[in-house]
């Protein structure tokens, strides 16, 4: 995650310095894609709060709680603690 965050930050600085527009295809979660992880791959939640990879760049958008919904995971599939 830290490496991905570093690469993203590096690209954003390079593009900004060269006046290049950067488009994030999956910038925001899209719940219409269905249940599970499919609709939650964005860098920001549907409520425009920053996910972990973007919180350093956008601290003012840091959420007060989880950015993705909780899922009812069957006990048989949970990891042992």
Protein backbone atom coordinates (compact mmCIF):
# COMPACT_ATOMS: atom_id res chain seq x y z
CA UNK A 1 0.00 0.00 0.00
CA UNK A 2 2.80 2.41 0.87
CA UNK A 3 4.53 1.76 -2.48
CA UNK A 4 1.27 2.34 -4.37
CA UNK A 5 0.68 5.56 -2.45
CA UNK A 6 4.22 6.72 -3.27
CA UNK A 7 3.84 5.96 -6.97
CA UNK A 8 0.49 7.73 -7.12
CA UNK A 9 1.91 10.80 -5.36
CA UNK A 10 4.92 10.82 -7.70
CA UNK A 11 2.69 10.71 -10.78
CA UNK A 12 0.42 13.44 -9.42
CA UNK A 13 3.43 15.72 -8.83
CA UNK A 14 4.86 14.99 -12.30
CA UNK A 15 1.55 15.60 -14.03
CA UNK A 16 0.91 18.77 -12.02
CA UNK A 17 4.36 20.16 -12.80
CA UNK A 18 3.74 19.59 -16.51
CA UNK A 19 0.13 20.82 -16.51
CA UNK A 20 -1.20 17.38 -17.46
CA UNK A 21 -4.75 16.43 -16.49
CA UNK A 22 -4.94 13.17 -14.58
CA UNK A 23 -8.14 11.10 -14.60
CA UNK A 24 -8.84 8.38 -12.04
CA UNK A 25 -11.09 5.83 -13.69
CA UNK A 26 -12.05 4.30 -10.35
CA UNK A 27 -11.80 7.44 -8.25
CA UNK A 28 -15.11 6.86 -6.46
CA UNK A 29 -16.91 3.80 -5.16
CA UNK A 30 -19.85 2.76 -7.33
CA UNK A 31 -22.45 0.84 -5.32
CA UNK A 32 -24.50 0.19 -8.46
CA UNK A 33 -21.88 -2.42 -9.43
CA UNK A 34 -23.30 -4.77 -6.82
CA UNK A 35 -22.60 -6.23 -3.42
CA UNK A 36 -19.19 -7.25 -2.21
CA UNK A 37 -15.92 -5.64 -3.25
CA UNK A 38 -16.98 -4.86 -6.85
CA UNK A 39 -18.47 -1.49 -5.98
CA UNK A 40 -15.82 -0.45 -3.47
CA UNK A 41 -12.55 -0.19 -5.43
CA UNK A 42 -12.52 3.61 -5.57
CA UNK A 43 -9.94 5.92 -4.02
CA UNK A 44 -12.84 7.79 -2.41
CA UNK A 45 -16.15 6.61 -0.97
CA UNK A 46 -19.48 7.56 -2.55
CA UNK A 47 -19.73 10.22 0.17
CA UNK A 48 -16.43 11.72 -1.11
CA UNK A 49 -14.34 10.70 1.90
CA UNK A 50 -10.74 9.70 1.23
CA UNK A 51 -9.73 6.07 1.53
CA UNK A 52 -6.42 5.16 3.19
CA UNK A 53 -4.29 5.60 0.04
CA UNK A 54 -5.54 9.19 -0.41
CA UNK A 55 -5.77 10.42 3.19
CA UNK A 56 -2.25 11.85 3.25
CA UNK A 57 -2.95 13.90 0.12
CA UNK A 58 -6.45 14.92 1.24
CA UNK A 59 -6.43 15.01 5.08
CA UNK A 60 -9.53 17.22 5.10
CA UNK A 61 -11.48 14.32 3.53
CA UNK A 62 -10.46 11.73 6.14
CA UNK A 63 -13.56 9.82 7.28
CA UNK A 64 -14.65 9.45 10.88
CA UNK A 65 -15.39 5.74 10.33
CA UNK A 66 -15.16 2.95 7.74
CA UNK A 67 -15.36 3.94 4.08
CA UNK A 68 -16.91 0.68 2.90
CA UNK A 69 -19.98 -1.10 4.23
CA UNK A 70 -19.68 -3.96 6.68
CA UNK A 71 -20.42 -7.38 5.29
CA UNK A 72 -21.93 -10.33 7.08
CA UNK A 73 -19.16 -12.86 6.70
CA UNK A 74 -20.10 -16.41 7.70
CA UNK A 75 -18.22 -17.54 10.81
CA UNK A 76 -16.88 -20.55 8.90
CA UNK A 77 -14.94 -18.28 6.50
CA UNK A 78 -13.47 -15.84 9.05
CA UNK A 79 -9.77 -15.95 9.85
CA UNK A 80 -8.82 -17.36 13.23
CA UNK A 81 -7.42 -14.78 15.64
